[in-house]
Amino acid sequence: MPARPFATKIPDDLADALDAVCARLGLRKNFVVEQALRQKIEDLLDSEDLREAIREATGFHPWEAVKRDSGQGRRR
């Protein structure tokens, strides 16, 4: 997959933590940043999907009403 440069500024403490983790685990910074961005994007999209599902939900139904409507509330 083609790649292109991506530059941003991050806080010094975050850059230091990234350097330390990559050195300790033998990872490349590009790999760690790419995986973190992919995960964050997926989380954001999942969160938006959940918000949309909640918006479209029919709402809360009391258990007694659910039983009554399904016919399970009848006694024999």
Protein backbone atom coordinates (compact mmCIF):
# COMPACT_ATOMS: atom_id res chain seq x y z
CA MET A 1 0.00 0.00 0.00
CA PRO A 2 1.42 3.40 -0.89
CA ALA A 3 2.37 5.60 2.05
CA ARG A 4 2.65 9.33 2.44
CA PRO A 5 4.24 11.53 5.07
CA PHE A 6 2.16 12.57 8.06
CA ALA A 7 3.46 15.15 10.49
CA THR A 8 1.96 16.41 13.71
CA LYS A 9 3.06 17.89 17.00
CA ILE A 10 2.64 15.85 20.17
CA PRO A 11 3.45 16.67 23.79
CA ASP A 12 7.02 15.98 24.92
CA ASP A 13 5.93 13.41 27.51
CA LEU A 14 4.02 11.43 24.88
CA ALA A 15 6.98 11.49 22.49
CA ASP A 16 9.26 10.32 25.33
CA ALA A 17 6.86 7.50 26.21
CA LEU A 18 6.69 6.42 22.56
CA ASP A 19 10.49 6.46 22.28
CA ALA A 20 10.83 4.41 25.48
CA VAL A 21 8.24 1.80 24.49
CA CYS A 22 9.67 1.39 21.00
CA ALA A 23 13.21 1.02 22.35
CA ARG A 24 12.16 -1.43 25.05
CA LEU A 25 10.06 -3.62 22.75
CA GLY A 26 12.10 -3.21 19.58
CA LEU A 27 9.24 -1.66 17.63
CA ARG A 28 9.27 0.99 14.93
CA LYS A 29 7.53 4.24 15.78
CA ASN A 30 5.72 4.25 12.42
CA PHE A 31 4.22 0.84 13.20
CA VAL A 32 3.04 1.87 16.67
CA VAL A 33 1.54 5.16 15.47
CA GLU A 34 -0.18 3.50 12.50
CA GLN A 35 -1.72 0.78 14.66
CA ALA A 36 -2.83 3.32 17.27
CA LEU A 37 -4.50 5.49 14.63
CA ARG A 38 -6.24 2.52 13.03
CA GLN A 39 -7.56 1.39 16.42
CA LYS A 40 -8.70 4.89 17.37
CA ILE A 41 -10.52 5.36 14.06
CA GLU A 42 -12.26 1.99 14.52
CA ASP A 43 -13.25 2.93 18.08
CA LEU A 44 -14.64 6.28 16.95
CA LEU A 45 -16.68 4.67 14.17
CA ASP A 46 -17.97 1.97 16.55
CA SER A 47 -18.96 4.67 19.03
CA GLU A 48 -20.84 6.58 16.33
CA ASP A 49 -22.59 3.38 15.21
CA LEU A 50 -23.68 2.77 18.80
CA ARG A 51 -25.00 6.32 19.16
CA GLU A 52 -26.95 5.89 15.91
CA ALA A 53 -28.39 2.56 17.07
CA ILE A 54 -29.47 4.15 20.35
CA ARG A 55 -31.12 7.03 18.46
CA GLU A 56 -33.00 4.56 16.26
CA ALA A 57 -33.99 2.24 19.11
CA THR A 58 -37.63 2.00 20.01
CA GLY A 59 -36.94 2.83 23.62
CA PHE A 60 -37.48 1.12 26.93
CA HIS A 61 -40.38 -1.29 27.32
CA PRO A 62 -41.40 -2.49 30.79
CA TRP A 63 -41.07 -6.26 31.24
CA GLU A 64 -44.77 -6.62 32.08
CA ALA A 65 -45.72 -5.00 28.77
CA VAL A 66 -43.33 -7.25 26.86
CA LYS A 67 -44.75 -10.37 28.52
CA ARG A 68 -48.31 -9.19 27.90
CA ASP A 69 -47.67 -8.37 24.23
CA SER A 70 -45.95 -11.72 23.58
CA GLY A 71 -48.70 -13.74 25.21
CA GLN A 72 -46.44 -15.03 27.99
CA GLY A 73 -48.30 -13.10 30.63
CA ARG A 74 -51.38 -15.34 30.37
CA ARG A 75 -52.00 -17.85 33.13
CA ARG A 76 -53.50 -21.20 32.34
